[in-house]
Amino acid sequence: MQIESLSIEGLAALRDKVTQTLADKVAARQKEPLAEVEKVGAPVTSKPPTARPKRPVKYRDGENTWSGVGTMPAWAKLKGDTLEQYRA
């Protein structure tokens, strides 16, 4: 096709046809990933976080308590005594 030999109307029609074809191909390409997801199934979603059960108190010093899990609390470190005497 000799583009230089086309009239203005012919060039405008060609431009419109190319624009429409390009839009159709872009739309088809955007639908491809959706079709793949539909073939595989629904996307996997993570479960919402659940609350952990409250741990029983193992050590008690008056109003201070500790379950024995995690970092030793400051009140237990400052006492300097063995933890066994604070066993609940």
PDB file of N, CA and C in Angstrom:
ATOM      1  N   MET A   1       0.853  -1.177   0.000  1.00  0.00           N
ATOM      2  CA  MET A   1       0.000   0.000   0.000  1.00  0.00           C
ATOM      3  C   MET A   1       0.894   1.234   0.000  1.00  0.00           C
ATOM      4  N   GLN A   2       0.656   2.118  -0.886  1.00  0.00           N
ATOM      5  CA  GLN A   2       1.400   3.366  -0.988  1.00  0.00           C
ATOM      6  C   GLN A   2       0.665   4.435  -0.189  1.00  0.00           C
ATOM      7  N   ILE A   3       1.186   4.759   0.982  1.00  0.00           N
ATOM      8  CA  ILE A   3       0.533   5.735   1.844  1.00  0.00           C
ATOM      9  C   ILE A   3       0.570   7.125   1.221  1.00  0.00           C
ATOM     10  N   GLU A   4       1.663   7.431   0.550  1.00  0.00           N
ATOM     11  CA  GLU A   4       1.797   8.758  -0.041  1.00  0.00           C
ATOM     12  C   GLU A   4       0.748   9.023  -1.115  1.00  0.00           C
ATOM     13  N   SER A   5       0.257   7.977  -1.750  1.00  0.00           N
ATOM     14  CA  SER A   5      -0.702   8.167  -2.833  1.00  0.00           C
ATOM     15  C   SER A   5      -2.149   8.273  -2.341  1.00  0.00           C
ATOM     16  N   LEU A   6      -2.410   8.032  -1.036  1.00  0.00           N
ATOM     17  CA  LEU A   6      -3.775   8.107  -0.510  1.00  0.00           C
ATOM     18  C   LEU A   6      -4.215   9.555  -0.341  1.00  0.00           C
ATOM     19  N   SER A   7      -5.494   9.760  -0.462  1.00  0.00           N
ATOM     20  CA  SER A   7      -6.053  11.092  -0.239  1.00  0.00           C
ATOM     21  C   SER A   7      -6.160  11.333   1.264  1.00  0.00           C
ATOM     22  N   ILE A   8      -6.515  12.549   1.635  1.00  0.00           N
ATOM     23  CA  ILE A   8      -6.679  12.888   3.048  1.00  0.00           C
ATOM     24  C   ILE A   8      -7.783  12.042   3.652  1.00  0.00           C
ATOM     25  N   GLU A   9      -8.871  11.870   2.931  1.00  0.00           N
ATOM     26  CA  GLU A   9      -9.972  11.053   3.428  1.00  0.00           C
ATOM     27  C   GLU A   9      -9.544   9.601   3.588  1.00  0.00           C
ATOM     28  N   GLY A  10      -8.758   9.119   2.646  1.00  0.00           N
ATOM     29  CA  GLY A  10      -8.260   7.739   2.712  1.00  0.00           C
ATOM     30  C   GLY A  10      -7.321   7.550   3.895  1.00  0.00           C
ATOM     31  N   LEU A  11      -6.449   8.526   4.128  1.00  0.00           N
ATOM     32  CA  LEU A  11      -5.537   8.456   5.278  1.00  0.00           C
ATOM     33  C   LEU A  11      -6.311   8.499   6.587  1.00  0.00           C
ATOM     34  N   ALA A  12      -7.344   9.341   6.666  1.00  0.00           N
ATOM     35  CA  ALA A  12      -8.151   9.439   7.882  1.00  0.00           C
ATOM     36  C   ALA A  12      -8.869   8.116   8.140  1.00  0.00           C
ATOM     37  N   ALA A  13      -9.391   7.489   7.095  1.00  0.00           N
ATOM     38  CA  ALA A  13     -10.064   6.206   7.244  1.00  0.00           C
ATOM     39  C   ALA A  13      -9.083   5.129   7.697  1.00  0.00           C
ATOM     40  N   LEU A  14      -7.870   5.156   7.129  1.00  0.00           N
ATOM     41  CA  LEU A  14      -6.845   4.202   7.521  1.00  0.00           C
ATOM     42  C   LEU A  14      -6.458   4.398   8.985  1.00  0.00           C
ATOM     43  N   ARG A  15      -6.314   5.665   9.382  1.00  0.00           N
ATOM     44  CA  ARG A  15      -5.983   5.970  10.780  1.00  0.00           C
ATOM     45  C   ARG A  15      -7.057   5.441  11.719  1.00  0.00           C
ATOM     46  N   ASP A  16      -8.310   5.652  11.379  1.00  0.00           N
ATOM     47  CA  ASP A  16      -9.411   5.177  12.217  1.00  0.00           C
ATOM     48  C   ASP A  16      -9.419   3.654  12.315  1.00  0.00           C
ATOM     49  N   LYS A  17      -9.156   2.995  11.189  1.00  0.00           N
ATOM     50  CA  LYS A  17      -9.130   1.539  11.185  1.00  0.00           C
ATOM     51  C   LYS A  17      -7.976   1.013  12.040  1.00  0.00           C
ATOM     52  N   VAL A  18      -6.807   1.643  11.947  1.00  0.00           N
ATOM     53  CA  VAL A  18      -5.644   1.224  12.736  1.00  0.00           C
ATOM     54  C   VAL A  18      -5.908   1.463  14.220  1.00  0.00           C
ATOM     55  N   THR A  19      -6.496   2.591  14.566  1.00  0.00           N
ATOM     56  CA  THR A  19      -6.808   2.902  15.959  1.00  0.00           C
ATOM     57  C   THR A  19      -7.773   1.874  16.542  1.00  0.00           C
ATOM     58  N   GLN A  20      -8.800   1.522  15.785  1.00  0.00           N
ATOM     59  CA  GLN A  20      -9.787   0.543  16.254  1.00  0.00           C
ATOM     60  C   GLN A  20      -9.155  -0.836  16.411  1.00  0.00           C
ATOM     61  N   THR A  21      -8.338  -1.240  15.441  1.00  0.00           N
ATOM     62  CA  THR A  21      -7.680  -2.547  15.515  1.00  0.00           C
ATOM     63  C   THR A  21      -6.734  -2.608  16.708  1.00  0.00           C
ATOM     64  N   LEU A  22      -6.011  -1.538  16.939  1.00  0.00           N
ATOM     65  CA  LEU A  22      -5.091  -1.478  18.083  1.00  0.00           C
ATOM     66  C   LEU A  22      -5.863  -1.559  19.400  1.00  0.00           C
ATOM     67  N   ALA A  23      -6.961  -0.851  19.497  1.00  0.00           N
ATOM     68  CA  ALA A  23      -7.771  -0.893  20.718  1.00  0.00           C
ATOM     69  C   ALA A  23      -8.328  -2.299  20.956  1.00  0.00           C
ATOM     70  N   ASP A  24      -8.754  -2.979  19.892  1.00  0.00           N
ATOM     71  CA  ASP A  24      -9.277  -4.341  20.027  1.00  0.00           C
ATOM     72  C   ASP A  24      -8.191  -5.297  20.514  1.00  0.00           C
ATOM     73  N   LYS A  25      -6.983  -5.159  19.969  1.00  0.00           N
ATOM     74  CA  LYS A  25      -5.898  -6.050  20.368  1.00  0.00           C
ATOM     75  C   LYS A  25      -5.467  -5.797  21.813  1.00  0.00           C
ATOM     76  N   VAL A  26      -5.437  -4.543  22.237  1.00  0.00           N
ATOM     77  CA  VAL A  26      -5.087  -4.227  23.615  1.00  0.00           C
ATOM     78  C   VAL A  26      -6.133  -4.806  24.571  1.00  0.00           C
ATOM     79  N   ALA A  27      -7.395  -4.674  24.227  1.00  0.00           N
ATOM     80  CA  ALA A  27      -8.463  -5.223  25.067  1.00  0.00           C
ATOM     81  C   ALA A  27      -8.359  -6.739  25.160  1.00  0.00           C
ATOM     82  N   ALA A  28      -8.039  -7.395  24.039  1.00  0.00           N
ATOM     83  CA  ALA A  28      -7.894  -8.853  24.039  1.00  0.00           C
ATOM     84  C   ALA A  28      -6.715  -9.276  24.913  1.00  0.00           C
ATOM     85  N   ARG A  29      -5.632  -8.537  24.865  1.00  0.00           N
ATOM     86  CA  ARG A  29      -4.462  -8.871  25.671  1.00  0.00           C
ATOM     87  C   ARG A  29      -4.749  -8.680  27.155  1.00  0.00           C
ATOM     88  N   GLN A  30      -5.525  -7.684  27.506  1.00  0.00           N
ATOM     89  CA  GLN A  30      -5.861  -7.451  28.909  1.00  0.00           C
ATOM     90  C   GLN A  30      -6.762  -8.544  29.451  1.00  0.00           C
ATOM     91  N   LYS A  31      -7.549  -9.178  28.611  1.00  0.00           N
ATOM     92  CA  LYS A  31      -8.439 -10.248  29.054  1.00  0.00           C
ATOM     93  C   LYS A  31      -7.704 -11.573  29.228  1.00  0.00           C
ATOM     94  N   GLU A  32      -6.541 -11.737  28.604  1.00  0.00           N
ATOM     95  CA  GLU A  32      -5.800 -12.996  28.686  1.00  0.00           C
ATOM     96  C   GLU A  32      -5.447 -13.378  30.119  1.00  0.00           C
ATOM     97  N   PRO A  33      -4.858 -12.487  30.923  1.00  0.00           N
ATOM     98  CA  PRO A  33      -4.547 -12.887  32.307  1.00  0.00           C
ATOM     99  C   PRO A  33      -5.801 -13.264  33.094  1.00  0.00           C
ATOM    100  N   LEU A  34      -6.909 -12.584  32.843  1.00  0.00           N
ATOM    101  CA  LEU A  34      -8.149 -12.926  33.539  1.00  0.00           C
ATOM    102  C   LEU A  34      -8.624 -14.320  33.152  1.00  0.00           C
ATOM    103  N   ALA A  35      -8.460 -14.674  31.902  1.00  0.00           N
ATOM    104  CA  ALA A  35      -8.854 -16.007  31.461  1.00  0.00           C
ATOM    105  C   ALA A  35      -7.983 -17.066  32.125  1.00  0.00           C
ATOM    106  N   GLU A  36      -6.694 -16.786  32.301  1.00  0.00           N
ATOM    107  CA  GLU A  36      -5.792 -17.724  32.967  1.00  0.00           C
ATOM    108  C   GLU A  36      -6.207 -17.915  34.420  1.00  0.00           C
ATOM    109  N   VAL A  37      -6.560 -16.844  35.090  1.00  0.00           N
ATOM    110  CA  VAL A  37      -6.988 -16.939  36.488  1.00  0.00           C
ATOM    111  C   VAL A  37      -8.271 -17.748  36.586  1.00  0.00           C
ATOM    112  N   GLU A  38      -9.175 -17.547  35.658  1.00  0.00           N
ATOM    113  CA  GLU A  38     -10.431 -18.289  35.683  1.00  0.00           C
ATOM    114  C   GLU A  38     -10.197 -19.777  35.433  1.00  0.00           C
ATOM    115  N   LYS A  39      -9.198 -20.126  34.611  1.00  0.00           N
ATOM    116  CA  LYS A  39      -8.879 -21.530  34.374  1.00  0.00           C
ATOM    117  C   LYS A  39      -8.356 -22.184  35.645  1.00  0.00           C
ATOM    118  N   VAL A  40      -7.462 -21.499  36.311  1.00  0.00           N
ATOM    119  CA  VAL A  40      -6.826 -22.038  37.514  1.00  0.00           C
ATOM    120  C   VAL A  40      -7.808 -22.071  38.668  1.00  0.00           C
ATOM    121  N   GLY A  41      -8.623 -21.072  38.775  1.00  0.00           N
ATOM    122  CA  GLY A  41      -9.579 -20.978  39.870  1.00  0.00           C
ATOM    123  C   GLY A  41      -9.425 -19.643  40.570  1.00  0.00           C
ATOM    124  N   ALA A  42     -10.140 -19.504  41.639  1.00  0.00           N
ATOM    125  CA  ALA A  42     -10.100 -18.245  42.383  1.00  0.00           C
ATOM    126  C   ALA A  42      -8.727 -18.070  43.012  1.00  0.00           C
ATOM    127  N   PRO A  43      -8.244 -16.844  43.097  1.00  0.00           N
ATOM    128  CA  PRO A  43      -6.948 -16.621  43.727  1.00  0.00           C
ATOM    129  C   PRO A  43      -6.998 -16.991  45.207  1.00  0.00           C
ATOM    130  N   VAL A  44      -5.889 -17.495  45.694  1.00  0.00           N
ATOM    131  CA  VAL A  44      -5.805 -17.909  47.092  1.00  0.00           C
ATOM    132  C   VAL A  44      -5.663 -16.665  47.959  1.00  0.00           C
ATOM    133  N   THR A  45      -6.501 -16.583  48.947  1.00  0.00           N
ATOM    134  CA  THR A  45      -6.415 -15.451  49.868  1.00  0.00           C
ATOM    135  C   THR A  45      -5.928 -15.952  51.212  1.00  0.00           C
ATOM    136  N   SER A  46      -5.217 -15.123  51.912  1.00  0.00           N
ATOM    137  CA  SER A  46      -4.725 -15.527  53.219  1.00  0.00           C
ATOM    138  C   SER A  46      -5.850 -15.437  54.239  1.00  0.00           C
ATOM    139  N   LYS A  47      -5.754 -16.263  55.257  1.00  0.00           N
ATOM    140  CA  LYS A  47      -6.773 -16.250  56.301  1.00  0.00           C
ATOM    141  C   LYS A  47      -6.546 -15.036  57.198  1.00  0.00           C
ATOM    142  N   PRO A  48      -7.601 -14.488  57.733  1.00  0.00           N
ATOM    143  CA  PRO A  48      -7.424 -13.354  58.643  1.00  0.00           C
ATOM    144  C   PRO A  48      -6.709 -13.811  59.910  1.00  0.00           C
ATOM    145  N   PRO A  49      -5.941 -12.938  60.516  1.00  0.00           N
ATOM    146  CA  PRO A  49      -5.234 -13.335  61.724  1.00  0.00           C
ATOM    147  C   PRO A  49      -6.215 -13.691  62.834  1.00  0.00           C
ATOM    148  N   THR A  50      -5.875 -14.719  63.563  1.00  0.00           N
ATOM    149  CA  THR A  50      -6.725 -15.140  64.669  1.00  0.00           C
ATOM    150  C   THR A  50      -6.052 -14.785  65.978  1.00  0.00           C
ATOM    151  N   ALA A  51      -6.842 -14.503  66.963  1.00  0.00           N
ATOM    152  CA  ALA A  51      -6.306 -14.150  68.271  1.00  0.00           C
ATOM    153  C   ALA A  51      -5.724 -15.397  68.923  1.00  0.00           C
ATOM    154  N   ARG A  52      -4.576 -15.245  69.525  1.00  0.00           N
ATOM    155  CA  ARG A  52      -3.952 -16.365  70.222  1.00  0.00           C
ATOM    156  C   ARG A  52      -4.564 -16.495  71.607  1.00  0.00           C
ATOM    157  N   PRO A  53      -4.647 -17.716  72.092  1.00  0.00           N
ATOM    158  CA  PRO A  53      -5.206 -17.882  73.436  1.00  0.00           C
ATOM    159  C   PRO A  53      -4.264 -17.296  74.484  1.00  0.00           C
ATOM    160  N   LYS A  54      -4.842 -16.781  75.529  1.00  0.00           N
ATOM    161  CA  LYS A  54      -4.066 -16.176  76.594  1.00  0.00           C
ATOM    162  C   LYS A  54      -3.326 -17.282  77.341  1.00  0.00           C
ATOM    163  N   ARG A  55      -2.046 -17.095  77.566  1.00  0.00           N
ATOM    164  CA  ARG A  55      -1.233 -18.096  78.253  1.00  0.00           C
ATOM    165  C   ARG A  55      -1.409 -17.966  79.761  1.00  0.00           C
ATOM    166  N   PRO A  56      -1.353 -19.088  80.449  1.00  0.00           N
ATOM    167  CA  PRO A  56      -1.485 -19.025  81.907  1.00  0.00           C
ATOM    168  C   PRO A  56      -0.249 -18.396  82.550  1.00  0.00           C
ATOM    169  N   VAL A  57      -0.449 -17.782  83.690  1.00  0.00           N
ATOM    170  CA  VAL A  57       0.643 -17.117  84.413  1.00  0.00           C
ATOM    171  C   VAL A  57       1.502 -18.176  85.089  1.00  0.00           C
ATOM    172  N   LYS A  58       2.832 -18.111  84.863  1.00  0.00           N
ATOM    173  CA  LYS A  58       3.745 -19.044  85.510  1.00  0.00           C
ATOM    174  C   LYS A  58       4.479 -18.392  86.675  1.00  0.00           C
ATOM    175  N   TYR A  59       4.715 -17.091  86.565  1.00  0.00           N
ATOM    176  CA  TYR A  59       5.463 -16.371  87.592  1.00  0.00           C
ATOM    177  C   TYR A  59       4.653 -15.165  88.053  1.00  0.00           C
ATOM    178  N   ARG A  60       4.623 -14.945  89.368  1.00  0.00           N
ATOM    179  CA  ARG A  60       3.843 -13.849  89.922  1.00  0.00           C
ATOM    180  C   ARG A  60       4.633 -13.229  91.070  1.00  0.00           C
ATOM    181  N   ASP A  61       4.662 -11.884  91.088  1.00  0.00           N
ATOM    182  CA  ASP A  61       5.289 -11.137  92.170  1.00  0.00           C
ATOM    183  C   ASP A  61       4.341  -9.999  92.523  1.00  0.00           C
ATOM    184  N   GLY A  62       3.397 -10.273  93.369  1.00  0.00           N
ATOM    185  CA  GLY A  62       2.403  -9.257  93.705  1.00  0.00           C
ATOM    186  C   GLY A  62       1.543  -8.965  92.497  1.00  0.00           C
ATOM    187  N   GLU A  63       1.633  -7.727  91.996  1.00  0.00           N
ATOM    188  CA  GLU A  63       0.819  -7.349  90.831  1.00  0.00           C
ATOM    189  C   GLU A  63       1.498  -7.685  89.514  1.00  0.00           C
ATOM    190  N   ASN A  64       2.777  -7.995  89.517  1.00  0.00           N
ATOM    191  CA  ASN A  64       3.510  -8.329  88.296  1.00  0.00           C
ATOM    192  C   ASN A  64       3.319  -9.803  87.967  1.00  0.00           C
ATOM    193  N   THR A  65       3.039 -10.086  86.701  1.00  0.00           N
ATOM    194  CA  THR A  65       2.888 -11.467  86.250  1.00  0.00           C
ATOM    195  C   THR A  65       3.645 -11.662  84.945  1.00  0.00           C
ATOM    196  N   TRP A  66       4.024 -12.933  84.700  1.00  0.00           N
ATOM    197  CA  TRP A  66       4.719 -13.281  83.460  1.00  0.00           C
ATOM    198  C   TRP A  66       4.374 -14.714  83.119  1.00  0.00           C
ATOM    199  N   SER A  67       4.109 -14.970  81.850  1.00  0.00           N
ATOM    200  CA  SER A  67       3.734 -16.317  81.428  1.00  0.00           C
ATOM    201  C   SER A  67       4.952 -17.201  81.205  1.00  0.00           C
ATOM    202  N   GLY A  68       6.141 -16.646  81.221  1.00  0.00           N
ATOM    203  CA  GLY A  68       7.350 -17.429  80.986  1.00  0.00           C
ATOM    204  C   GLY A  68       7.710 -17.517  79.519  1.00  0.00           C
ATOM    205  N   VAL A  69       6.955 -16.830  78.654  1.00  0.00           N
ATOM    206  CA  VAL A  69       7.208 -16.842  77.221  1.00  0.00           C
ATOM    207  C   VAL A  69       7.708 -15.463  76.814  1.00  0.00           C
ATOM    208  N   GLY A  70       8.709 -15.436  75.975  1.00  0.00           N
ATOM    209  CA  GLY A  70       9.227 -14.158  75.499  1.00  0.00           C
ATOM    210  C   GLY A  70      10.341 -13.651  76.399  1.00  0.00           C
ATOM    211  N   THR A  71      10.698 -12.408  76.198  1.00  0.00           N
ATOM    212  CA  THR A  71      11.776 -11.790  76.957  1.00  0.00           C
ATOM    213  C   THR A  71      11.384 -11.659  78.422  1.00  0.00           C
ATOM    214  N   MET A  72      12.349 -11.892  79.270  1.00  0.00           N
ATOM    215  CA  MET A  72      12.094 -11.779  80.704  1.00  0.00           C
ATOM    216  C   MET A  72      11.771 -10.316  81.028  1.00  0.00           C
ATOM    217  N   PRO A  73      10.713 -10.082  81.790  1.00  0.00           N
ATOM    218  CA  PRO A  73      10.329  -8.705  82.091  1.00  0.00           C
ATOM    219  C   PRO A  73      11.336  -8.044  83.028  1.00  0.00           C
ATOM    220  N   ALA A  74      11.318  -6.716  83.043  1.00  0.00           N
ATOM    221  CA  ALA A  74      12.282  -5.941  83.828  1.00  0.00           C
ATOM    222  C   ALA A  74      12.151  -6.241  85.313  1.00  0.00           C
ATOM    223  N   TRP A  75      10.930  -6.419  85.831  1.00  0.00           N
ATOM    224  CA  TRP A  75      10.774  -6.659  87.268  1.00  0.00           C
ATOM    225  C   TRP A  75      11.456  -7.957  87.682  1.00  0.00           C
ATOM    226  N   ALA A  76      11.476  -8.945  86.786  1.00  0.00           N
ATOM    227  CA  ALA A  76      12.118 -10.215  87.108  1.00  0.00           C
ATOM    228  C   ALA A  76      13.636 -10.091  87.035  1.00  0.00           C
ATOM    229  N   LYS A  77      14.138  -9.286  86.125  1.00  0.00           N
ATOM    230  CA  LYS A  77      15.580  -9.080  86.007  1.00  0.00           C
ATOM    231  C   LYS A  77      16.109  -8.283  87.190  1.00  0.00           C
ATOM    232  N   LEU A  78      15.353  -7.262  87.618  1.00  0.00           N
ATOM    233  CA  LEU A  78      15.811  -6.376  88.691  1.00  0.00           C
ATOM    234  C   LEU A  78      15.853  -7.070  90.043  1.00  0.00           C
ATOM    235  N   LYS A  79      15.018  -8.044  90.260  1.00  0.00           N
ATOM    236  CA  LYS A  79      14.967  -8.729  91.550  1.00  0.00           C
ATOM    237  C   LYS A  79      16.282  -9.455  91.834  1.00  0.00           C
ATOM    238  N   GLY A  80      16.868 -10.046  90.814  1.00  0.00           N
ATOM    239  CA  GLY A  80      18.120 -10.757  90.989  1.00  0.00           C
ATOM    240  C   GLY A  80      17.952 -12.115  91.642  1.00  0.00           C
ATOM    241  N   ASP A  81      16.774 -12.459  92.056  1.00  0.00           N
ATOM    242  CA  ASP A  81      16.514 -13.748  92.681  1.00  0.00           C
ATOM    243  C   ASP A  81      16.235 -14.786  91.598  1.00  0.00           C
ATOM    244  N   THR A  82      16.125 -16.039  92.004  1.00  0.00           N
ATOM    245  CA  THR A  82      15.766 -17.060  91.041  1.00  0.00           C
ATOM    246  C   THR A  82      14.275 -16.934  90.754  1.00  0.00           C
ATOM    247  N   LEU A  83      13.901 -17.334  89.575  1.00  0.00           N
ATOM    248  CA  LEU A  83      12.500 -17.239  89.180  1.00  0.00           C
ATOM    249  C   LEU A  83      11.645 -18.265  89.914  1.00  0.00           C
ATOM    250  N   GLU A  84      12.249 -19.322  90.395  1.00  0.00           N
ATOM    251  CA  GLU A  84      11.484 -20.383  91.036  1.00  0.00           C
ATOM    252  C   GLU A  84      10.708 -19.888  92.253  1.00  0.00           C
ATOM    253  N   GLN A  85      11.197 -18.893  92.931  1.00  0.00           N
ATOM    254  CA  GLN A  85      10.456 -18.418  94.112  1.00  0.00           C
ATOM    255  C   GLN A  85       9.229 -17.618  93.719  1.00  0.00           C
ATOM    256  N   TYR A  86       9.123 -17.210  92.477  1.00  0.00           N
ATOM    257  CA  TYR A  86       7.958 -16.470  92.009  1.00  0.00           C
ATOM    258  C   TYR A  86       6.990 -17.353  91.232  1.00  0.00           C
ATOM    259  N   ARG A  87       7.233 -18.642  91.241  1.00  0.00           N
ATOM    260  CA  ARG A  87       6.381 -19.584  90.511  1.00  0.00           C
ATOM    261  C   ARG A  87       4.946 -19.490  91.015  1.00  0.00           C
ATOM    262  N   ALA A  88       4.007 -19.362  90.096  1.00  0.00           N
ATOM    263  CA  ALA A  88       2.597 -19.210  90.479  1.00  0.00           C
ATOM    264  C   ALA A  88       1.960 -20.543  90.757  1.00  0.00           C
TER     265      ALA A  88
END
